[in-house]
Amino acid sequence: MQTLGLLFNLFARARKDGLMSIEGDIEEPHTSEIFNKAPKVKADHHATDFIADYMRLMISSSLDVHQIDNLMDIEIETHHHEAEVPATMMSKLADSLPAFGIVAAVLGVVHTMESVGIPPAELGKLVAAALVGTFLGILASYGFAAPLANVMGKQAEASTQYYNCLKTTLIAFMNGYPPQVAVEFGRKTLPSHVRPSFRELEEFVKNNK
């Protein structure tokens, strides 16, 4: 909601007073009155830079909409790959932990075989220790690392969806759509569980002009 409200306010001022009227907001977003109305967006410097960079290109460059669209796609793809790296590394760690458990079990069995002459009660403790190594490896993999990798992967996907929303909204405005219509383009790209209704967005925008 804050993101779409921020973009609406930028577009509305640019449409009313000209693109140069938002140059100060774009160059200094951290002191901008418009950006200050969207503290969650302002706190995300990647999102702030994304918005500012492409609004700056709209103001000062001779690139057409298709060129900017392609440039956005490249940047979003790069961002997605970077965001996926931690999840990929965590997934590889999850895959390796069962092998760690197997190694611990084998070492435990080797130690047990060295001690075959001890009483059965003591021998049982060594076998149990070997099995605990296997259990810990599997638990750490499927109980912690794999679910964490899955969550990190979904966060990366959600971040990409967010940037696609920014892209769609910016491109709609660059194509000449009114601010209200441009933010509606962006709203439609959001997944259903976070997408505000048309009425909710309209009321939010009106109250945050």
N, C-alpha and C. Protein backbone atom coordinates (compact mmCIF):
# COMPACT_ATOMS: atom_id res chain seq x y z
N MET A 1 0.84 -1.20 0.00
CA MET A 1 0.00 0.00 0.00
C MET A 1 0.87 1.25 0.00
N GLN A 2 1.91 1.26 0.84
CA GLN A 2 2.81 2.42 0.89
C GLN A 2 3.54 2.60 -0.44
N THR A 3 3.92 1.49 -1.05
CA THR A 3 4.63 1.57 -2.33
C THR A 3 3.75 2.18 -3.41
N LEU A 4 2.53 1.67 -3.53
CA LEU A 4 1.62 2.18 -4.55
C LEU A 4 1.22 3.62 -4.25
N GLY A 5 1.06 3.95 -2.96
CA GLY A 5 0.76 5.33 -2.59
C GLY A 5 1.90 6.27 -2.93
N LEU A 6 3.14 5.82 -2.69
CA LEU A 6 4.32 6.62 -3.03
C LEU A 6 4.39 6.89 -4.53
N LEU A 7 4.21 5.84 -5.31
CA LEU A 7 4.28 5.99 -6.76
C LEU A 7 3.15 6.90 -7.26
N PHE A 8 1.97 6.74 -6.69
CA PHE A 8 0.85 7.61 -7.09
C PHE A 8 1.20 9.07 -6.83
N ASN A 9 1.75 9.37 -5.67
CA ASN A 9 2.08 10.76 -5.34
C ASN A 9 3.15 11.32 -6.26
N LEU A 10 4.15 10.50 -6.59
CA LEU A 10 5.18 10.95 -7.54
C LEU A 10 4.56 11.23 -8.91
N PHE A 11 3.74 10.30 -9.37
CA PHE A 11 3.12 10.45 -10.70
C PHE A 11 2.18 11.66 -10.74
N ALA A 12 1.40 11.82 -9.66
CA ALA A 12 0.43 12.92 -9.64
C ALA A 12 1.13 14.27 -9.70
N ARG A 13 2.23 14.41 -8.93
CA ARG A 13 2.96 15.68 -8.96
C ARG A 13 3.61 15.90 -10.33
N ALA A 14 4.19 14.82 -10.88
CA ALA A 14 4.83 14.95 -12.19
C ALA A 14 3.81 15.31 -13.27
N ARG A 15 2.62 14.73 -13.18
CA ARG A 15 1.59 15.00 -14.18
C ARG A 15 1.03 16.42 -14.04
N LYS A 16 0.96 16.90 -12.81
CA LYS A 16 0.39 18.22 -12.56
C LYS A 16 1.39 19.35 -12.84
N ASP A 17 2.63 19.18 -12.33
CA ASP A 17 3.61 20.27 -12.38
C ASP A 17 4.78 19.99 -13.33
N GLY A 18 4.77 18.84 -13.99
CA GLY A 18 5.86 18.50 -14.89
C GLY A 18 6.90 17.60 -14.21
N LEU A 19 7.63 16.86 -15.02
CA LEU A 19 8.60 15.91 -14.48
C LEU A 19 9.68 16.57 -13.65
N MET A 20 10.07 17.79 -14.02
CA MET A 20 11.13 18.46 -13.29
C MET A 20 10.73 18.77 -11.85
N SER A 21 9.42 18.78 -11.56
CA SER A 21 8.97 19.10 -10.21
C SER A 21 9.32 18.02 -9.20
N ILE A 22 9.61 16.81 -9.67
CA ILE A 22 9.96 15.72 -8.75
C ILE A 22 11.46 15.41 -8.77
N GLU A 23 12.23 16.26 -9.44
CA GLU A 23 13.67 16.01 -9.53
C GLU A 23 14.31 16.00 -8.14
N GLY A 24 13.90 16.93 -7.28
CA GLY A 24 14.47 16.97 -5.93
C GLY A 24 14.12 15.72 -5.14
N ASP A 25 12.90 15.21 -5.30
CA ASP A 25 12.49 13.99 -4.61
C ASP A 25 13.30 12.80 -5.09
N ILE A 26 13.61 12.77 -6.37
CA ILE A 26 14.36 11.65 -6.93
C ILE A 26 15.83 11.71 -6.54
N GLU A 27 16.40 12.91 -6.54
CA GLU A 27 17.81 13.04 -6.23
C GLU A 27 18.09 12.86 -4.74
N GLU A 28 17.16 13.27 -3.90
CA GLU A 28 17.34 13.17 -2.45
C GLU A 28 16.11 12.50 -1.81
N PRO A 29 15.92 11.21 -2.09
CA PRO A 29 14.70 10.54 -1.57
C PRO A 29 14.63 10.50 -0.05
N HIS A 30 15.77 10.53 0.63
CA HIS A 30 15.76 10.42 2.08
C HIS A 30 15.31 11.71 2.77
N THR A 31 15.27 12.80 2.03
CA THR A 31 14.75 14.05 2.58
C THR A 31 13.46 14.48 1.89
N SER A 32 12.94 13.62 1.02
CA SER A 32 11.76 13.95 0.24
C SER A 32 10.49 13.81 1.08
N GLU A 33 9.61 14.78 0.95
CA GLU A 33 8.32 14.72 1.65
C GLU A 33 7.50 13.54 1.16
N ILE A 34 7.56 13.26 -0.13
CA ILE A 34 6.79 12.15 -0.70
C ILE A 34 7.30 10.81 -0.17
N PHE A 35 8.61 10.64 -0.16
CA PHE A 35 9.18 9.38 0.32
C PHE A 35 8.98 9.22 1.82
N ASN A 36 8.96 10.34 2.55
CA ASN A 36 8.75 10.26 4.00
C ASN A 36 7.36 9.74 4.35
N LYS A 37 6.41 9.85 3.44
CA LYS A 37 5.07 9.32 3.68
C LYS A 37 5.03 7.79 3.53
N ALA A 38 6.11 7.20 3.04
CA ALA A 38 6.19 5.75 2.85
C ALA A 38 7.44 5.22 3.56
N PRO A 39 7.44 5.21 4.89
CA PRO A 39 8.66 4.85 5.64
C PRO A 39 9.18 3.44 5.36
N LYS A 40 8.27 2.49 5.09
CA LYS A 40 8.72 1.12 4.82
C LYS A 40 9.45 1.03 3.49
N VAL A 41 8.99 1.80 2.53
CA VAL A 41 9.68 1.83 1.23
C VAL A 41 11.02 2.55 1.37
N LYS A 42 11.00 3.66 2.09
CA LYS A 42 12.21 4.45 2.29
C LYS A 42 13.28 3.64 3.00
N ALA A 43 12.87 2.74 3.91
CA ALA A 43 13.83 1.92 4.65
C ALA A 43 14.48 0.86 3.77
N ASP A 44 13.88 0.54 2.65
CA ASP A 44 14.44 -0.45 1.71
C ASP A 44 15.20 0.31 0.64
N HIS A 45 16.51 0.40 0.81
CA HIS A 45 17.28 1.25 -0.11
C HIS A 45 17.30 0.68 -1.53
N HIS A 46 17.16 -0.66 -1.68
CA HIS A 46 17.11 -1.23 -3.03
C HIS A 46 15.86 -0.75 -3.77
N ALA A 47 14.71 -0.80 -3.09
CA ALA A 47 13.47 -0.34 -3.72
C ALA A 47 13.53 1.16 -4.00
N THR A 48 14.07 1.92 -3.04
CA THR A 48 14.19 3.37 -3.22
C THR A 48 15.07 3.69 -4.42
N ASP A 49 16.20 3.00 -4.52
CA ASP A 49 17.11 3.23 -5.66
C ASP A 49 16.46 2.84 -6.98
N PHE A 50 15.70 1.74 -6.96
CA PHE A 50 15.03 1.28 -8.18
C PHE A 50 14.07 2.35 -8.68
N ILE A 51 13.24 2.86 -7.79
CA ILE A 51 12.27 3.89 -8.17
C ILE A 51 12.99 5.15 -8.63
N ALA A 52 13.97 5.60 -7.84
CA ALA A 52 14.66 6.84 -8.16
C ALA A 52 15.43 6.74 -9.48
N ASP A 53 16.10 5.63 -9.69
CA ASP A 53 16.91 5.47 -10.91
C ASP A 53 16.06 5.56 -12.17
N TYR A 54 14.90 4.88 -12.17
CA TYR A 54 14.10 4.86 -13.40
C TYR A 54 13.29 6.14 -13.57
N MET A 55 12.92 6.78 -12.48
CA MET A 55 12.30 8.09 -12.63
C MET A 55 13.32 9.09 -13.14
N ARG A 56 14.57 8.94 -12.70
CA ARG A 56 15.63 9.82 -13.18
C ARG A 56 15.85 9.62 -14.68
N LEU A 57 15.84 8.35 -15.12
CA LEU A 57 15.98 8.07 -16.56
C LEU A 57 14.83 8.67 -17.35
N MET A 58 13.64 8.62 -16.77
CA MET A 58 12.48 9.19 -17.44
C MET A 58 12.64 10.70 -17.61
N ILE A 59 13.24 11.34 -16.61
CA ILE A 59 13.37 12.80 -16.63
C ILE A 59 14.51 13.23 -17.56
N SER A 60 15.65 12.56 -17.46
CA SER A 60 16.86 13.12 -18.07
C SER A 60 17.40 12.37 -19.27
N SER A 61 16.88 11.19 -19.59
CA SER A 61 17.47 10.43 -20.70
C SER A 61 16.56 10.45 -21.91
N SER A 62 17.11 9.98 -23.02
CA SER A 62 16.34 9.90 -24.27
C SER A 62 15.89 8.48 -24.55
N LEU A 63 16.01 7.58 -23.57
CA LEU A 63 15.58 6.20 -23.77
C LEU A 63 14.07 6.13 -23.91
N ASP A 64 13.61 5.26 -24.82
CA ASP A 64 12.16 5.08 -24.94
C ASP A 64 11.68 4.03 -23.94
N VAL A 65 10.37 3.84 -23.90
CA VAL A 65 9.78 2.95 -22.89
C VAL A 65 10.27 1.52 -23.07
N HIS A 66 10.42 1.06 -24.30
CA HIS A 66 10.84 -0.32 -24.53
C HIS A 66 12.26 -0.56 -24.03
N GLN A 67 13.12 0.42 -24.23
CA GLN A 67 14.49 0.28 -23.75
C GLN A 67 14.54 0.23 -22.23
N ILE A 68 13.76 1.11 -21.58
CA ILE A 68 13.71 1.10 -20.12
C ILE A 68 13.10 -0.19 -19.61
N ASP A 69 12.08 -0.69 -20.31
CA ASP A 69 11.45 -1.96 -19.94
C ASP A 69 12.47 -3.10 -19.97
N ASN A 70 13.27 -3.16 -21.03
CA ASN A 70 14.30 -4.20 -21.13
C ASN A 70 15.34 -4.06 -20.03
N LEU A 71 15.71 -2.82 -19.74
CA LEU A 71 16.71 -2.58 -18.69
C LEU A 71 16.17 -3.03 -17.33
N MET A 72 14.89 -2.76 -17.08
CA MET A 72 14.28 -3.22 -15.83
C MET A 72 14.30 -4.74 -15.73
N ASP A 73 13.98 -5.42 -16.84
CA ASP A 73 13.98 -6.88 -16.83
C ASP A 73 15.36 -7.43 -16.46
N ILE A 74 16.40 -6.82 -17.01
CA ILE A 74 17.76 -7.26 -16.72
C ILE A 74 18.09 -7.05 -15.25
N GLU A 75 17.73 -5.88 -14.72
CA GLU A 75 18.02 -5.60 -13.31
C GLU A 75 17.25 -6.53 -12.38
N ILE A 76 15.98 -6.78 -12.69
CA ILE A 76 15.17 -7.66 -11.85
C ILE A 76 15.71 -9.09 -11.89
N GLU A 77 16.14 -9.53 -13.07
CA GLU A 77 16.71 -10.88 -13.18
C GLU A 77 17.99 -10.99 -12.35
N THR A 78 18.83 -9.95 -12.42
CA THR A 78 20.05 -9.94 -11.61
C THR A 78 19.73 -9.96 -10.13
N HIS A 79 18.76 -9.15 -9.73
CA HIS A 79 18.34 -9.12 -8.33
C HIS A 79 17.83 -10.49 -7.88
N HIS A 80 17.06 -11.16 -8.75
CA HIS A 80 16.50 -12.47 -8.41
C HIS A 80 17.60 -13.50 -8.19
N HIS A 81 18.58 -13.49 -9.08
CA HIS A 81 19.70 -14.45 -8.95
C HIS A 81 20.47 -14.18 -7.65
N GLU A 82 20.70 -12.92 -7.34
CA GLU A 82 21.41 -12.59 -6.10
C GLU A 82 20.62 -13.02 -4.87
N ALA A 83 19.30 -12.80 -4.92
CA ALA A 83 18.46 -13.15 -3.78
C ALA A 83 18.36 -14.66 -3.59
N GLU A 84 18.56 -15.43 -4.67
CA GLU A 84 18.46 -16.88 -4.58
C GLU A 84 19.73 -17.53 -4.05
N VAL A 85 20.85 -16.81 -4.06
CA VAL A 85 22.12 -17.41 -3.66
C VAL A 85 22.08 -17.96 -2.23
N PRO A 86 21.62 -17.19 -1.22
CA PRO A 86 21.59 -17.75 0.13
C PRO A 86 20.71 -19.00 0.23
N ALA A 87 19.56 -18.99 -0.43
CA ALA A 87 18.66 -20.15 -0.39
C ALA A 87 19.33 -21.37 -1.04
N THR A 88 20.05 -21.13 -2.13
CA THR A 88 20.74 -22.24 -2.81
C THR A 88 21.83 -22.82 -1.92
N MET A 89 22.59 -21.95 -1.26
CA MET A 89 23.65 -22.44 -0.37
C MET A 89 23.07 -23.21 0.81
N MET A 90 21.97 -22.72 1.36
CA MET A 90 21.32 -23.41 2.48
C MET A 90 20.78 -24.78 2.03
N SER A 91 20.27 -24.83 0.81
CA SER A 91 19.77 -26.10 0.27
C SER A 91 20.90 -27.11 0.10
N LYS A 92 22.06 -26.64 -0.36
CA LYS A 92 23.21 -27.53 -0.50
C LYS A 92 23.68 -28.03 0.87
N LEU A 93 23.61 -27.14 1.87
CA LEU A 93 23.97 -27.56 3.22
C LEU A 93 23.01 -28.64 3.72
N ALA A 94 21.71 -28.46 3.44
CA ALA A 94 20.72 -29.45 3.84
C ALA A 94 21.00 -30.80 3.18
N ASP A 95 21.42 -30.77 1.92
CA ASP A 95 21.72 -32.02 1.21
C ASP A 95 22.95 -32.73 1.79
N SER A 96 23.87 -31.95 2.35
CA SER A 96 25.12 -32.55 2.84
C SER A 96 25.03 -33.06 4.27
N LEU A 97 24.08 -32.58 5.05
CA LEU A 97 24.01 -32.95 6.46
C LEU A 97 23.74 -34.44 6.68
N PRO A 98 22.87 -35.12 5.89
CA PRO A 98 22.71 -36.57 6.09
C PRO A 98 24.02 -37.33 5.89
N ALA A 99 24.85 -36.87 4.94
CA ALA A 99 26.15 -37.51 4.73
C ALA A 99 27.03 -37.33 5.96
N PHE A 100 26.93 -36.14 6.59
CA PHE A 100 27.67 -35.93 7.84
C PHE A 100 27.22 -36.93 8.90
N GLY A 101 25.90 -37.18 8.96
CA GLY A 101 25.39 -38.16 9.91
C GLY A 101 25.90 -39.56 9.62
N ILE A 102 25.99 -39.90 8.33
CA ILE A 102 26.50 -41.23 7.96
C ILE A 102 27.97 -41.38 8.36
N VAL A 103 28.75 -40.32 8.12
CA VAL A 103 30.16 -40.37 8.51
C VAL A 103 30.28 -40.56 10.02
N ALA A 104 29.45 -39.81 10.79
CA ALA A 104 29.48 -39.97 12.24
C ALA A 104 29.12 -41.39 12.64
N ALA A 105 28.14 -42.00 11.95
CA ALA A 105 27.74 -43.37 12.26
C ALA A 105 28.86 -44.36 11.95
N VAL A 106 29.51 -44.17 10.81
CA VAL A 106 30.60 -45.08 10.42
C VAL A 106 31.75 -45.00 11.42
N LEU A 107 32.10 -43.77 11.82
CA LEU A 107 33.17 -43.62 12.81
C LEU A 107 32.78 -44.26 14.14
N GLY A 108 31.48 -44.14 14.49
CA GLY A 108 31.01 -44.78 15.72
C GLY A 108 31.09 -46.28 15.64
N VAL A 109 30.74 -46.84 14.49
CA VAL A 109 30.83 -48.29 14.31
C VAL A 109 32.28 -48.76 14.36
N VAL A 110 33.16 -48.00 13.73
CA VAL A 110 34.59 -48.36 13.77
C VAL A 110 35.08 -48.39 15.21
N HIS A 111 34.70 -47.36 15.97
CA HIS A 111 35.10 -47.32 17.38
C HIS A 111 34.49 -48.50 18.16
N THR A 112 33.26 -48.86 17.78
CA THR A 112 32.61 -49.99 18.45
C THR A 112 33.34 -51.30 18.14
N MET A 113 33.74 -51.46 16.89
CA MET A 113 34.44 -52.69 16.50
C MET A 113 35.78 -52.81 17.22
N GLU A 114 36.38 -51.66 17.56
CA GLU A 114 37.64 -51.70 18.30
C GLU A 114 37.42 -52.16 19.74
N SER A 115 36.16 -52.09 20.17
CA SER A 115 35.88 -52.36 21.58
C SER A 115 34.97 -53.57 21.77
N VAL A 116 35.07 -54.56 20.88
CA VAL A 116 34.15 -55.71 20.92
C VAL A 116 34.34 -56.55 22.19
N GLY A 117 35.46 -56.41 22.85
CA GLY A 117 35.70 -57.24 24.04
C GLY A 117 35.11 -56.68 25.31
N ILE A 118 34.54 -55.48 25.28
CA ILE A 118 34.00 -54.89 26.49
C ILE A 118 32.63 -55.48 26.80
N PRO A 119 32.10 -55.28 28.00
CA PRO A 119 30.79 -55.83 28.37
C PRO A 119 29.69 -55.30 27.45
N PRO A 120 28.61 -56.08 27.25
CA PRO A 120 27.53 -55.68 26.36
C PRO A 120 26.91 -54.33 26.71
N ALA A 121 26.82 -54.01 27.98
CA ALA A 121 26.23 -52.73 28.37
C ALA A 121 27.05 -51.55 27.84
N GLU A 122 28.38 -51.68 27.95
CA GLU A 122 29.26 -50.63 27.44
C GLU A 122 29.22 -50.59 25.92
N LEU A 123 29.16 -51.76 25.30
CA LEU A 123 29.11 -51.85 23.84
C LEU A 123 27.84 -51.19 23.30
N GLY A 124 26.74 -51.38 24.03
CA GLY A 124 25.48 -50.76 23.62
C GLY A 124 25.55 -49.25 23.60
N LYS A 125 26.27 -48.67 24.56
CA LYS A 125 26.42 -47.22 24.58
C LYS A 125 27.16 -46.71 23.35
N LEU A 126 28.18 -47.46 22.92
CA LEU A 126 28.93 -47.05 21.73
C LEU A 126 28.07 -47.13 20.47
N VAL A 127 27.26 -48.20 20.37
CA VAL A 127 26.37 -48.34 19.22
C VAL A 127 25.33 -47.20 19.21
N ALA A 128 24.81 -46.90 20.41
CA ALA A 128 23.84 -45.81 20.52
C ALA A 128 24.44 -44.48 20.09
N ALA A 129 25.69 -44.25 20.48
CA ALA A 129 26.36 -43.01 20.10
C ALA A 129 26.50 -42.91 18.58
N ALA A 130 26.80 -44.05 17.93
CA ALA A 130 26.93 -44.06 16.47
C ALA A 130 25.59 -43.73 15.81
N LEU A 131 24.50 -44.29 16.35
CA LEU A 131 23.18 -44.02 15.77
C LEU A 131 22.73 -42.58 16.02
N VAL A 132 23.13 -42.02 17.15
CA VAL A 132 22.79 -40.61 17.43
C VAL A 132 23.41 -39.69 16.39
N GLY A 133 24.62 -39.99 15.94
CA GLY A 133 25.26 -39.19 14.89
C GLY A 133 24.42 -39.17 13.62
N THR A 134 23.90 -40.34 13.22
CA THR A 134 23.04 -40.42 12.03
C THR A 134 21.76 -39.62 12.25
N PHE A 135 21.16 -39.78 13.43
CA PHE A 135 19.92 -39.07 13.75
C PHE A 135 20.12 -37.56 13.70
N LEU A 136 21.22 -37.07 14.26
CA LEU A 136 21.45 -35.62 14.28
C LEU A 136 21.63 -35.07 12.87
N GLY A 137 22.33 -35.81 12.02
CA GLY A 137 22.53 -35.36 10.64
C GLY A 137 21.22 -35.25 9.89
N ILE A 138 20.34 -36.25 10.04
CA ILE A 138 19.04 -36.23 9.36
C ILE A 138 18.14 -35.14 9.95
N LEU A 139 18.14 -35.01 11.28
CA LEU A 139 17.32 -33.98 11.92
C LEU A 139 17.74 -32.58 11.49
N ALA A 140 19.05 -32.34 11.49
CA ALA A 140 19.54 -31.01 11.10
C ALA A 140 19.19 -30.70 9.65
N SER A 141 19.22 -31.74 8.79
CA SER A 141 18.93 -31.54 7.38
C SER A 141 17.45 -31.29 7.13
N TYR A 142 16.62 -32.27 7.49
CA TYR A 142 15.20 -32.20 7.14
C TYR A 142 14.37 -31.43 8.16
N GLY A 143 14.92 -31.22 9.35
CA GLY A 143 14.17 -30.50 10.37
C GLY A 143 14.49 -29.02 10.44
N PHE A 144 15.68 -28.62 9.94
CA PHE A 144 16.09 -27.22 10.07
C PHE A 144 16.56 -26.62 8.74
N ALA A 145 17.63 -27.17 8.18
CA ALA A 145 18.25 -26.54 7.01
C ALA A 145 17.33 -26.54 5.79
N ALA A 146 16.69 -27.68 5.49
CA ALA A 146 15.82 -27.75 4.30
C ALA A 146 14.61 -26.82 4.42
N PRO A 147 13.87 -26.81 5.56
CA PRO A 147 12.77 -25.85 5.67
C PRO A 147 13.23 -24.40 5.59
N LEU A 148 14.40 -24.11 6.19
CA LEU A 148 14.92 -22.75 6.13
C LEU A 148 15.26 -22.35 4.70
N ALA A 149 15.85 -23.28 3.94
CA ALA A 149 16.16 -23.01 2.54
C ALA A 149 14.88 -22.73 1.75
N ASN A 150 13.83 -23.48 2.06
CA ASN A 150 12.54 -23.28 1.38
C ASN A 150 11.97 -21.89 1.68
N VAL A 151 12.03 -21.47 2.93
CA VAL A 151 11.54 -20.15 3.31
C VAL A 151 12.35 -19.05 2.63
N MET A 152 13.67 -19.22 2.61
CA MET A 152 14.53 -18.22 1.96
C MET A 152 14.24 -18.13 0.47
N GLY A 153 13.95 -19.28 -0.16
CA GLY A 153 13.62 -19.28 -1.58
C GLY A 153 12.32 -18.54 -1.85
N LYS A 154 11.32 -18.74 -0.97
CA LYS A 154 10.04 -18.06 -1.14
C LYS A 154 10.19 -16.56 -0.91
N GLN A 155 11.07 -16.17 0.00
CA GLN A 155 11.32 -14.74 0.21
C GLN A 155 11.95 -14.11 -1.03
N ALA A 156 12.84 -14.86 -1.68
CA ALA A 156 13.45 -14.36 -2.91
C ALA A 156 12.39 -14.18 -4.00
N GLU A 157 11.47 -15.15 -4.11
CA GLU A 157 10.39 -15.04 -5.09
C GLU A 157 9.48 -13.84 -4.79
N ALA A 158 9.18 -13.65 -3.49
CA ALA A 158 8.32 -12.53 -3.11
C ALA A 158 8.99 -11.20 -3.43
N SER A 159 10.30 -11.12 -3.22
CA SER A 159 11.04 -9.91 -3.54
C SER A 159 10.98 -9.62 -5.04
N THR A 160 11.10 -10.67 -5.86
CA THR A 160 11.02 -10.50 -7.31
C THR A 160 9.63 -10.03 -7.72
N GLN A 161 8.59 -10.58 -7.09
CA GLN A 161 7.22 -10.13 -7.38
C GLN A 161 7.05 -8.65 -7.04
N TYR A 162 7.67 -8.23 -5.95
CA TYR A 162 7.58 -6.82 -5.55
C TYR A 162 8.21 -5.92 -6.61
N TYR A 163 9.38 -6.31 -7.11
CA TYR A 163 10.04 -5.50 -8.13
C TYR A 163 9.27 -5.52 -9.45
N ASN A 164 8.62 -6.63 -9.74
CA ASN A 164 7.77 -6.67 -10.93
C ASN A 164 6.60 -5.71 -10.79
N CYS A 165 6.08 -5.56 -9.57
CA CYS A 165 5.02 -4.59 -9.31
C CYS A 165 5.53 -3.17 -9.57
N LEU A 166 6.73 -2.86 -9.06
CA LEU A 166 7.33 -1.54 -9.31
C LEU A 166 7.49 -1.30 -10.81
N LYS A 167 8.02 -2.31 -11.49
CA LYS A 167 8.25 -2.18 -12.93
C LYS A 167 6.94 -1.92 -13.68
N THR A 168 5.92 -2.72 -13.40
CA THR A 168 4.65 -2.59 -14.11
C THR A 168 4.04 -1.21 -13.90
N THR A 169 4.12 -0.71 -12.66
CA THR A 169 3.54 0.60 -12.35
C THR A 169 4.30 1.71 -13.06
N LEU A 170 5.62 1.65 -13.01
CA LEU A 170 6.44 2.68 -13.66
C LEU A 170 6.24 2.68 -15.18
N ILE A 171 6.22 1.48 -15.78
CA ILE A 171 6.06 1.39 -17.22
C ILE A 171 4.69 1.91 -17.65
N ALA A 172 3.66 1.61 -16.83
CA ALA A 172 2.31 2.11 -17.16
C ALA A 172 2.30 3.63 -17.19
N PHE A 173 2.95 4.26 -16.22
CA PHE A 173 3.00 5.73 -16.21
C PHE A 173 3.81 6.26 -17.39
N MET A 174 4.91 5.60 -17.71
CA MET A 174 5.73 6.03 -18.84
C MET A 174 4.97 5.92 -20.15
N ASN A 175 4.00 4.99 -20.19
CA ASN A 175 3.19 4.84 -21.40
C ASN A 175 2.05 5.84 -21.47
N GLY A 176 1.97 6.74 -20.47
CA GLY A 176 1.00 7.81 -20.53
C GLY A 176 -0.29 7.59 -19.77
N TYR A 177 -0.38 6.50 -19.01
CA TYR A 177 -1.60 6.27 -18.24
C TYR A 177 -1.66 7.23 -17.05
N PRO A 178 -2.86 7.64 -16.64
CA PRO A 178 -3.00 8.50 -15.45
C PRO A 178 -2.48 7.78 -14.20
N PRO A 179 -2.10 8.52 -13.16
CA PRO A 179 -1.55 7.90 -11.95
C PRO A 179 -2.44 6.83 -11.35
N GLN A 180 -3.77 7.06 -11.28
CA GLN A 180 -4.68 6.09 -10.69
C GLN A 180 -4.69 4.79 -11.49
N VAL A 181 -4.62 4.90 -12.80
CA VAL A 181 -4.61 3.71 -13.66
C VAL A 181 -3.25 3.00 -13.56
N ALA A 182 -2.17 3.77 -13.49
CA ALA A 182 -0.83 3.18 -13.40
C ALA A 182 -0.68 2.34 -12.13
N VAL A 183 -1.15 2.85 -10.98
CA VAL A 183 -1.03 2.08 -9.75
C VAL A 183 -1.98 0.88 -9.76
N GLU A 184 -3.06 0.98 -10.53
CA GLU A 184 -3.96 -0.18 -10.67
C GLU A 184 -3.26 -1.30 -11.44
N PHE A 185 -2.45 -0.95 -12.45
CA PHE A 185 -1.63 -1.93 -13.15
C PHE A 185 -0.73 -2.66 -12.14
N GLY A 186 -0.08 -1.87 -11.28
CA GLY A 186 0.80 -2.48 -10.29
C GLY A 186 0.05 -3.35 -9.30
N ARG A 187 -1.12 -2.89 -8.86
CA ARG A 187 -1.92 -3.67 -7.90
C ARG A 187 -2.27 -5.04 -8.46
N LYS A 188 -2.57 -5.10 -9.75
CA LYS A 188 -2.97 -6.37 -10.36
C LYS A 188 -1.85 -7.38 -10.43
N THR A 189 -0.59 -6.93 -10.34
CA THR A 189 0.53 -7.88 -10.41
C THR A 189 0.81 -8.54 -9.07
N LEU A 190 0.22 -8.03 -7.99
CA LEU A 190 0.52 -8.55 -6.66
C LEU A 190 -0.20 -9.87 -6.42
N PRO A 191 0.42 -10.80 -5.66
CA PRO A 191 -0.28 -12.04 -5.31
C PRO A 191 -1.50 -11.76 -4.46
N SER A 192 -2.49 -12.64 -4.54
CA SER A 192 -3.80 -12.36 -3.93
C SER A 192 -3.74 -12.16 -2.43
N HIS A 193 -2.80 -12.82 -1.74
CA HIS A 193 -2.79 -12.73 -0.28
C HIS A 193 -2.27 -11.38 0.24
N VAL A 194 -1.65 -10.58 -0.62
CA VAL A 194 -1.20 -9.25 -0.20
C VAL A 194 -1.81 -8.14 -1.05
N ARG A 195 -2.62 -8.50 -2.04
CA ARG A 195 -3.17 -7.49 -2.95
C ARG A 195 -4.34 -6.76 -2.28
N PRO A 196 -4.25 -5.43 -2.16
CA PRO A 196 -5.40 -4.68 -1.62
C PRO A 196 -6.51 -4.62 -2.66
N SER A 197 -7.72 -4.40 -2.20
CA SER A 197 -8.82 -4.24 -3.15
C SER A 197 -8.71 -2.87 -3.81
N PHE A 198 -9.45 -2.70 -4.89
CA PHE A 198 -9.46 -1.41 -5.59
C PHE A 198 -9.90 -0.30 -4.65
N ARG A 199 -10.95 -0.57 -3.86
CA ARG A 199 -11.47 0.42 -2.94
C ARG A 199 -10.46 0.76 -1.84
N GLU A 200 -9.79 -0.27 -1.30
CA GLU A 200 -8.79 -0.04 -0.25
C GLU A 200 -7.65 0.84 -0.76
N LEU A 201 -7.19 0.55 -1.96
CA LEU A 201 -6.10 1.34 -2.53
C LEU A 201 -6.55 2.76 -2.81
N GLU A 202 -7.73 2.90 -3.34
CA GLU A 202 -8.26 4.24 -3.64
C GLU A 202 -8.35 5.10 -2.38
N GLU A 203 -8.88 4.52 -1.30
CA GLU A 203 -9.01 5.25 -0.05
C GLU A 203 -7.65 5.59 0.55
N PHE A 204 -6.71 4.63 0.46
CA PHE A 204 -5.37 4.86 0.99
C PHE A 204 -4.69 6.00 0.25
N VAL A 205 -4.81 6.00 -1.07
CA VAL A 205 -4.19 7.05 -1.88
C VAL A 205 -4.78 8.42 -1.56
N LYS A 206 -6.08 8.48 -1.41
CA LYS A 206 -6.74 9.75 -1.09
C LYS A 206 -6.29 10.30 0.25
N ASN A 207 -6.06 9.40 1.21
CA ASN A 207 -5.69 9.83 2.56
C ASN A 207 -4.21 10.12 2.70
N ASN A 208 -3.42 9.83 1.68
CA ASN A 208 -1.97 10.02 1.78
C ASN A 208 -1.43 10.93 0.69
N LYS A 209 -2.26 11.78 0.17
CA LYS A 209 -1.79 12.73 -0.83
C LYS A 209 -0.93 13.80 -0.17
